[in-house]
PDB file of N, CA and C in Angstrom:
ATOM      1  N   MET A   1     176.632 102.347  32.726  1.00  0.00           N
ATOM      2  CA  MET A   1     176.942 101.414  33.821  1.00  0.00           C
ATOM      3  C   MET A   1     175.672 100.864  34.452  1.00  0.00           C
ATOM      4  N   ALA A   2     174.633 101.755  34.571  1.00  0.00           N
ATOM      5  CA  ALA A   2     173.485 101.310  35.077  1.00  0.00           C
ATOM      6  C   ALA A   2     172.674 100.191  34.492  1.00  0.00           C
ATOM      7  N   GLN A   3     172.677 100.295  33.078  1.00  0.00           N
ATOM      8  CA  GLN A   3     172.095  99.213  32.359  1.00  0.00           C
ATOM      9  C   GLN A   3     172.864  97.878  32.591  1.00  0.00           C
ATOM     10  N   LEU A   4     174.231  97.988  32.660  1.00  0.00           N
ATOM     11  CA  LEU A   4     175.053  96.817  32.895  1.00  0.00           C
ATOM     12  C   LEU A   4     174.592  96.151  34.322  1.00  0.00           C
ATOM     13  N   MET A   5     174.429  96.928  35.266  1.00  0.00           N
ATOM     14  CA  MET A   5     174.231  96.414  36.615  1.00  0.00           C
ATOM     15  C   MET A   5     172.637  95.956  36.759  1.00  0.00           C
ATOM     16  N   ASP A   6     171.831  96.337  35.744  1.00  0.00           N
ATOM     17  CA  ASP A   6     170.500  95.744  35.698  1.00  0.00           C
ATOM     18  C   ASP A   6     170.454  94.324  35.132  1.00  0.00           C
ATOM     19  N   ARG A   7     171.505  94.078  34.377  1.00  0.00           N
ATOM     20  CA  ARG A   7     171.645  92.715  33.770  1.00  0.00           C
ATOM     21  C   ARG A   7     172.559  91.728  34.591  1.00  0.00           C
ATOM     22  N   ILE A   8     173.590  92.415  35.161  1.00  0.00           N
ATOM     23  CA  ILE A   8     174.623  91.596  35.936  1.00  0.00           C
ATOM     24  C   ILE A   8     174.306  91.822  37.423  1.00  0.00           C
ATOM     25  N   THR A   9     173.971  90.698  38.097  1.00  0.00           N
ATOM     26  CA  THR A   9     173.532  90.846  39.425  1.00  0.00           C
ATOM     27  C   THR A   9     174.508  89.973  40.305  1.00  0.00           C
ATOM     28  N   VAL A  10     174.758  90.267  41.525  1.00  0.00           N
ATOM     29  CA  VAL A  10     175.565  89.583  42.394  1.00  0.00           C
ATOM     30  C   VAL A  10     174.725  89.273  43.849  1.00  0.00           C
ATOM     31  N   ASN A  11     174.470  88.146  44.033  1.00  0.00           N
ATOM     32  CA  ASN A  11     173.792  87.669  45.322  1.00  0.00           C
ATOM     33  C   ASN A  11     174.570  86.734  46.128  1.00  0.00           C
ATOM     34  N   PRO A  12     174.986  87.048  47.217  1.00  0.00           N
ATOM     35  CA  PRO A  12     175.928  86.189  48.053  1.00  0.00           C
ATOM     36  C   PRO A  12     175.290  84.706  48.224  1.00  0.00           C
ATOM     37  N   ARG A  13     173.993  84.689  48.101  1.00  0.00           N
ATOM     38  CA  ARG A  13     173.361  83.404  48.381  1.00  0.00           C
ATOM     39  C   ARG A  13     173.131  82.645  47.030  1.00  0.00           C
ATOM     40  N   GLN A  14     173.669  83.078  45.959  1.00  0.00           N
ATOM     41  CA  GLN A  14     173.425  82.470  44.665  1.00  0.00           C
ATOM     42  C   GLN A  14     174.701  82.303  43.919  1.00  0.00           C
ATOM     43  N   CYS A  15     174.962  80.996  43.520  1.00  0.00           N
ATOM     44  CA  CYS A  15     176.090  80.727  42.723  1.00  0.00           C
ATOM     45  C   CYS A  15     177.456  81.279  43.449  1.00  0.00           C
ATOM     46  N   GLY A  16     177.485  81.132  44.758  1.00  0.00           N
ATOM     47  CA  GLY A  16     178.680  81.382  45.610  1.00  0.00           C
ATOM     48  C   GLY A  16     178.934  82.908  45.409  1.00  0.00           C
ATOM     49  N   GLY A  17     178.053  83.836  45.219  1.00  0.00           N
ATOM     50  CA  GLY A  17     178.267  85.233  45.071  1.00  0.00           C
ATOM     51  C   GLY A  17     178.854  85.705  43.848  1.00  0.00           C
ATOM     52  N   LEU A  18     179.078  84.704  42.875  1.00  0.00           N
ATOM     53  CA  LEU A  18     179.639  85.223  41.465  1.00  0.00           C
ATOM     54  C   LEU A  18     178.590  85.916  40.742  1.00  0.00           C
ATOM     55  N   PRO A  19     179.141  86.815  39.922  1.00  0.00           N
ATOM     56  CA  PRO A  19     178.208  87.625  39.050  1.00  0.00           C
ATOM     57  C   PRO A  19     177.292  86.705  38.174  1.00  0.00           C
ATOM     58  N   CYS A  20     176.013  86.984  38.051  1.00  0.00           N
ATOM     59  CA  CYS A  20     175.123  86.209  37.320  1.00  0.00           C
ATOM     60  C   CYS A  20     174.332  87.101  36.381  1.00  0.00           C
ATOM     61  N   ILE A  21     173.529  86.448  35.541  1.00  0.00           N
ATOM     62  CA  ILE A  21     172.700  87.271  34.550  1.00  0.00           C
ATOM     63  C   ILE A  21     171.220  87.470  35.137  1.00  0.00           C
ATOM     64  N   ARG A  22     170.952  88.650  35.405  1.00  0.00           N
ATOM     65  CA  ARG A  22     169.530  88.983  35.844  1.00  0.00           C
ATOM     66  C   ARG A  22     169.053  88.124  36.914  1.00  0.00           C
ATOM     67  N   GLY A  23     169.874  87.710  37.825  1.00  0.00           N
ATOM     68  CA  GLY A  23     169.387  86.983  38.942  1.00  0.00           C
ATOM     69  C   GLY A  23     169.133  85.450  38.571  1.00  0.00           C
ATOM     70  N   MET A  24     169.388  85.002  37.435  1.00  0.00           N
ATOM     71  CA  MET A  24     169.272  83.673  37.050  1.00  0.00           C
ATOM     72  C   MET A  24     170.609  82.926  37.510  1.00  0.00           C
ATOM     73  N   ARG A  25     170.525  81.685  37.426  1.00  0.00           N
ATOM     74  CA  ARG A  25     171.717  80.883  37.829  1.00  0.00           C
ATOM     75  C   ARG A  25     172.677  80.704  36.706  1.00  0.00           C
ATOM     76  N   ILE A  26     172.671  81.532  35.693  1.00  0.00           N
ATOM     77  CA  ILE A  26     173.626  81.564  34.607  1.00  0.00           C
ATOM     78  C   ILE A  26     174.752  82.616  34.967  1.00  0.00           C
ATOM     79  N   ARG A  27     175.897  82.125  35.267  1.00  0.00           N
ATOM     80  CA  ARG A  27     176.982  82.980  35.614  1.00  0.00           C
ATOM     81  C   ARG A  27     177.620  83.731  34.422  1.00  0.00           C
ATOM     82  N   VAL A  28     178.110  84.894  34.752  1.00  0.00           N
ATOM     83  CA  VAL A  28     178.726  85.659  33.665  1.00  0.00           C
ATOM     84  C   VAL A  28     179.900  84.771  33.058  1.00  0.00           C
ATOM     85  N   SER A  29     180.669  84.152  34.014  1.00  0.00           N
ATOM     86  CA  SER A  29     181.721  83.315  33.569  1.00  0.00           C
ATOM     87  C   SER A  29     181.286  82.134  32.592  1.00  0.00           C
ATOM     88  N   ASP A  30     180.136  81.596  32.872  1.00  0.00           N
ATOM     89  CA  ASP A  30     179.582  80.545  31.911  1.00  0.00           C
ATOM     90  C   ASP A  30     179.492  81.019  30.558  1.00  0.00           C
ATOM     91  N   VAL A  31     178.896  82.224  30.346  1.00  0.00           N
ATOM     92  CA  VAL A  31     178.709  82.814  29.141  1.00  0.00           C
ATOM     93  C   VAL A  31     180.116  83.161  28.402  1.00  0.00           C
ATOM     94  N   LEU A  32     181.070  83.765  29.156  1.00  0.00           N
ATOM     95  CA  LEU A  32     182.387  83.961  28.770  1.00  0.00           C
ATOM     96  C   LEU A  32     183.114  82.660  28.225  1.00  0.00           C
ATOM     97  N   GLU A  33     182.838  81.625  29.042  1.00  0.00           N
ATOM     98  CA  GLU A  33     183.559  80.359  28.622  1.00  0.00           C
ATOM     99  C   GLU A  33     182.948  79.868  27.315  1.00  0.00           C
ATOM    100  N   LEU A  34     181.606  79.872  27.132  1.00  0.00           N
ATOM    101  CA  LEU A  34     180.988  79.488  25.859  1.00  0.00           C
ATOM    102  C   LEU A  34     181.515  80.237  24.645  1.00  0.00           C
ATOM    103  N   LEU A  35     181.712  81.562  24.898  1.00  0.00           N
ATOM    104  CA  LEU A  35     182.145  82.418  23.868  1.00  0.00           C
ATOM    105  C   LEU A  35     183.638  82.112  23.571  1.00  0.00           C
ATOM    106  N   ALA A  36     184.479  81.882  24.594  1.00  0.00           N
ATOM    107  CA  ALA A  36     185.849  81.489  24.406  1.00  0.00           C
ATOM    108  C   ALA A  36     185.967  80.106  23.702  1.00  0.00           C
ATOM    109  N   SER A  37     184.992  79.248  23.931  1.00  0.00           N
ATOM    110  CA  SER A  37     185.044  77.963  23.195  1.00  0.00           C
ATOM    111  C   SER A  37     184.749  77.923  21.751  1.00  0.00           C
ATOM    112  N   GLY A  38     184.240  78.991  21.363  1.00  0.00           N
ATOM    113  CA  GLY A  38     183.949  79.315  19.967  1.00  0.00           C
ATOM    114  C   GLY A  38     182.482  79.332  19.579  1.00  0.00           C
ATOM    115  N   MET A  39     181.594  79.253  20.594  1.00  0.00           N
ATOM    116  CA  MET A  39     180.170  79.279  20.313  1.00  0.00           C
ATOM    117  C   MET A  39     179.866  80.810  19.973  1.00  0.00           C
ATOM    118  N   THR A  40     178.928  81.035  19.010  1.00  0.00           N
ATOM    119  CA  THR A  40     178.504  82.299  18.630  1.00  0.00           C
ATOM    120  C   THR A  40     177.425  82.702  19.575  1.00  0.00           C
ATOM    121  N   PRO A  41     177.216  84.028  19.699  1.00  0.00           N
ATOM    122  CA  PRO A  41     176.089  84.495  20.549  1.00  0.00           C
ATOM    123  C   PRO A  41     174.703  83.813  20.155  1.00  0.00           C
ATOM    124  N   LYS A  42     174.623  83.657  18.864  1.00  0.00           N
ATOM    125  CA  LYS A  42     173.223  83.059  18.306  1.00  0.00           C
ATOM    126  C   LYS A  42     173.106  81.645  18.845  1.00  0.00           C
ATOM    127  N   GLN A  43     174.203  80.908  18.922  1.00  0.00           N
ATOM    128  CA  GLN A  43     174.228  79.498  19.370  1.00  0.00           C
ATOM    129  C   GLN A  43     173.946  79.506  20.888  1.00  0.00           C
ATOM    130  N   ILE A  44     174.516  80.498  21.610  1.00  0.00           N
ATOM    131  CA  ILE A  44     174.342  80.555  23.036  1.00  0.00           C
ATOM    132  C   ILE A  44     172.895  80.848  23.378  1.00  0.00           C
ATOM    133  N   LEU A  45     172.345  81.679  22.616  1.00  0.00           N
ATOM    134  CA  LEU A  45     170.821  82.144  22.809  1.00  0.00           C
ATOM    135  C   LEU A  45     169.961  80.900  22.488  1.00  0.00           C
ATOM    136  N   LYS A  46     170.309  80.115  21.575  1.00  0.00           N
ATOM    137  CA  LYS A  46     169.591  78.930  21.189  1.00  0.00           C
ATOM    138  C   LYS A  46     169.597  77.833  22.250  1.00  0.00           C
ATOM    139  N   GLU A  47     170.869  77.703  22.890  1.00  0.00           N
ATOM    140  CA  GLU A  47     171.040  76.759  23.955  1.00  0.00           C
ATOM    141  C   GLU A  47     170.451  77.162  25.246  1.00  0.00           C
ATOM    142  N   HIS A  48     170.392  78.535  25.503  1.00  0.00           N
ATOM    143  CA  HIS A  48     169.943  79.140  26.711  1.00  0.00           C
ATOM    144  C   HIS A  48     168.821  80.163  26.359  1.00  0.00           C
ATOM    145  N   PRO A  49     167.618  79.609  26.218  1.00  0.00           N
ATOM    146  CA  PRO A  49     166.500  80.462  25.781  1.00  0.00           C
ATOM    147  C   PRO A  49     166.099  81.590  26.669  1.00  0.00           C
ATOM    148  N   ASP A  50     166.501  81.495  27.971  1.00  0.00           N
ATOM    149  CA  ASP A  50     166.115  82.568  28.915  1.00  0.00           C
ATOM    150  C   ASP A  50     167.035  83.782  28.795  1.00  0.00           C
ATOM    151  N   LEU A  51     168.194  83.606  28.101  1.00  0.00           N
ATOM    152  CA  LEU A  51     169.101  84.685  27.811  1.00  0.00           C
ATOM    153  C   LEU A  51     168.514  85.557  26.623  1.00  0.00           C
ATOM    154  N   GLU A  52     169.020  86.794  26.668  1.00  0.00           N
ATOM    155  CA  GLU A  52     168.794  87.822  25.561  1.00  0.00           C
ATOM    156  C   GLU A  52     170.083  88.159  25.086  1.00  0.00           C
ATOM    157  N   ALA A  53     170.186  88.722  23.840  1.00  0.00           N
ATOM    158  CA  ALA A  53     171.342  89.209  23.274  1.00  0.00           C
ATOM    159  C   ALA A  53     172.000  90.261  24.040  1.00  0.00           C
ATOM    160  N   GLU A  54     171.239  91.133  24.694  1.00  0.00           N
ATOM    161  CA  GLU A  54     171.797  92.119  25.613  1.00  0.00           C
ATOM    162  C   GLU A  54     172.530  91.572  26.799  1.00  0.00           C
ATOM    163  N   ASP A  55     172.114  90.472  27.279  1.00  0.00           N
ATOM    164  CA  ASP A  55     172.836  89.783  28.356  1.00  0.00           C
ATOM    165  C   ASP A  55     174.262  89.374  27.972  1.00  0.00           C
ATOM    166  N   ILE A  56     174.381  88.860  26.796  1.00  0.00           N
ATOM    167  CA  ILE A  56     175.758  88.530  26.286  1.00  0.00           C
ATOM    168  C   ILE A  56     176.614  89.670  26.220  1.00  0.00           C
ATOM    169  N   GLN A  57     176.137  90.787  25.655  1.00  0.00           N
ATOM    170  CA  GLN A  57     176.701  92.142  25.582  1.00  0.00           C
ATOM    171  C   GLN A  57     177.214  92.472  26.996  1.00  0.00           C
ATOM    172  N   ALA A  58     176.292  92.419  27.970  1.00  0.00           N
ATOM    173  CA  ALA A  58     176.510  92.751  29.287  1.00  0.00           C
ATOM    174  C   ALA A  58     177.687  92.067  29.916  1.00  0.00           C
ATOM    175  N   CYS A  59     177.782  90.683  29.604  1.00  0.00           N
ATOM    176  CA  CYS A  59     178.894  89.902  30.057  1.00  0.00           C
ATOM    177  C   CYS A  59     180.135  90.451  29.511  1.00  0.00           C
ATOM    178  N   LEU A  60     180.224  90.709  28.286  1.00  0.00           N
ATOM    179  CA  LEU A  60     181.494  91.203  27.690  1.00  0.00           C
ATOM    180  C   LEU A  60     181.797  92.560  28.277  1.00  0.00           C
ATOM    181  N   ARG A  61     180.906  93.500  28.503  1.00  0.00           N
ATOM    182  CA  ARG A  61     181.221  94.759  29.049  1.00  0.00           C
ATOM    183  C   ARG A  61     181.667  94.534  30.426  1.00  0.00           C
ATOM    184  N   PHE A  62     181.035  93.586  31.146  1.00  0.00           N
ATOM    185  CA  PHE A  62     181.405  93.381  32.723  1.00  0.00           C
ATOM    186  C   PHE A  62     182.812  92.940  32.704  1.00  0.00           C
ATOM    187  N   ALA A  63     183.219  91.896  31.811  1.00  0.00           N
ATOM    188  CA  ALA A  63     184.516  91.334  31.778  1.00  0.00           C
ATOM    189  C   ALA A  63     185.555  92.468  31.484  1.00  0.00           C
ATOM    190  N   SER A  64     185.167  93.275  30.469  1.00  0.00           N
ATOM    191  CA  SER A  64     186.127  94.346  29.946  1.00  0.00           C
ATOM    192  C   SER A  64     186.340  95.326  31.176  1.00  0.00           C
ATOM    193  N   SER A  65     185.379  95.583  31.849  1.00  0.00           N
ATOM    194  CA  SER A  65     185.491  96.711  32.901  1.00  0.00           C
ATOM    195  C   SER A  65     186.378  96.003  34.095  1.00  0.00           C
ATOM    196  N   ARG A  66     186.410  94.710  34.194  1.00  0.00           N
ATOM    197  CA  ARG A  66     187.240  94.128  35.246  1.00  0.00           C
ATOM    198  C   ARG A  66     188.621  94.064  34.857  1.00  0.00           C
ATOM    199  N   VAL A  67     188.906  93.836  33.602  1.00  0.00           N
ATOM    200  CA  VAL A  67     190.346  93.630  33.144  1.00  0.00           C
ATOM    201  C   VAL A  67     190.887  94.872  32.697  1.00  0.00           C
ATOM    202  N   GLY A  68     190.123  95.855  32.285  1.00  0.00           N
ATOM    203  CA  GLY A  68     190.575  97.083  31.777  1.00  0.00           C
ATOM    204  C   GLY A  68     191.028  98.150  32.874  1.00  0.00           C
ATOM    205  N   HIS A  69     190.626  97.949  34.055  1.00  0.00           N
ATOM    206  CA  HIS A  69     190.968  98.915  35.140  1.00  0.00           C
ATOM    207  C   HIS A  69     191.425  98.146  36.289  1.00  0.00           C
ATOM    208  N   PRO A  70     192.641  97.630  36.313  1.00  0.00           N
ATOM    209  CA  PRO A  70     193.086  96.854  37.490  1.00  0.00           C
ATOM    210  C   PRO A  70     193.178  97.752  38.742  1.00  0.00           C
ATOM    211  N   VAL A  71     192.832  97.145  39.858  1.00  0.00           N
ATOM    212  CA  VAL A  71     192.999  97.734  41.126  1.00  0.00           C
ATOM    213  C   VAL A  71     194.469  97.710  41.620  1.00  0.00           C
ATOM    214  N   VAL A  72     195.076  98.853  41.876  1.00  0.00           N
ATOM    215  CA  VAL A  72     196.446  98.855  42.368  1.00  0.00           C
ATOM    216  C   VAL A  72     196.433  99.146  43.876  1.00  0.00           C
ATOM    217  N   ALA A  73     197.086  98.181  44.562  1.00  0.00           N
ATOM    218  CA  ALA A  73     197.012  98.245  46.059  1.00  0.00           C
ATOM    219  C   ALA A  73     198.139  99.447  46.392  1.00  0.00           C
ATOM    220  N   ALA A  74     197.686 100.136  47.504  1.00  0.00           N
ATOM    221  CA  ALA A  74     198.489 101.306  47.824  1.00  0.00           C
ATOM    222  C   ALA A  74     199.549 100.797  48.788  1.00  0.00           C
TER     223      ALA A  74
END
């Protein structure tokens, strides 16, 4: 999880506090939407040269961690 948090950052003063990639203004949700629309990781990397393949993997791991373990209110 430490490597994940090195790649996924949250700053309340950036992008409305939404999770971003390595402090850039590329949101995790942006990458997930590109993947959902059918773009391949290779296409995403070509379109966003500041991204690294590990960033895309981190976005997927981050999303998986959020939906895989729902918070149950007491």
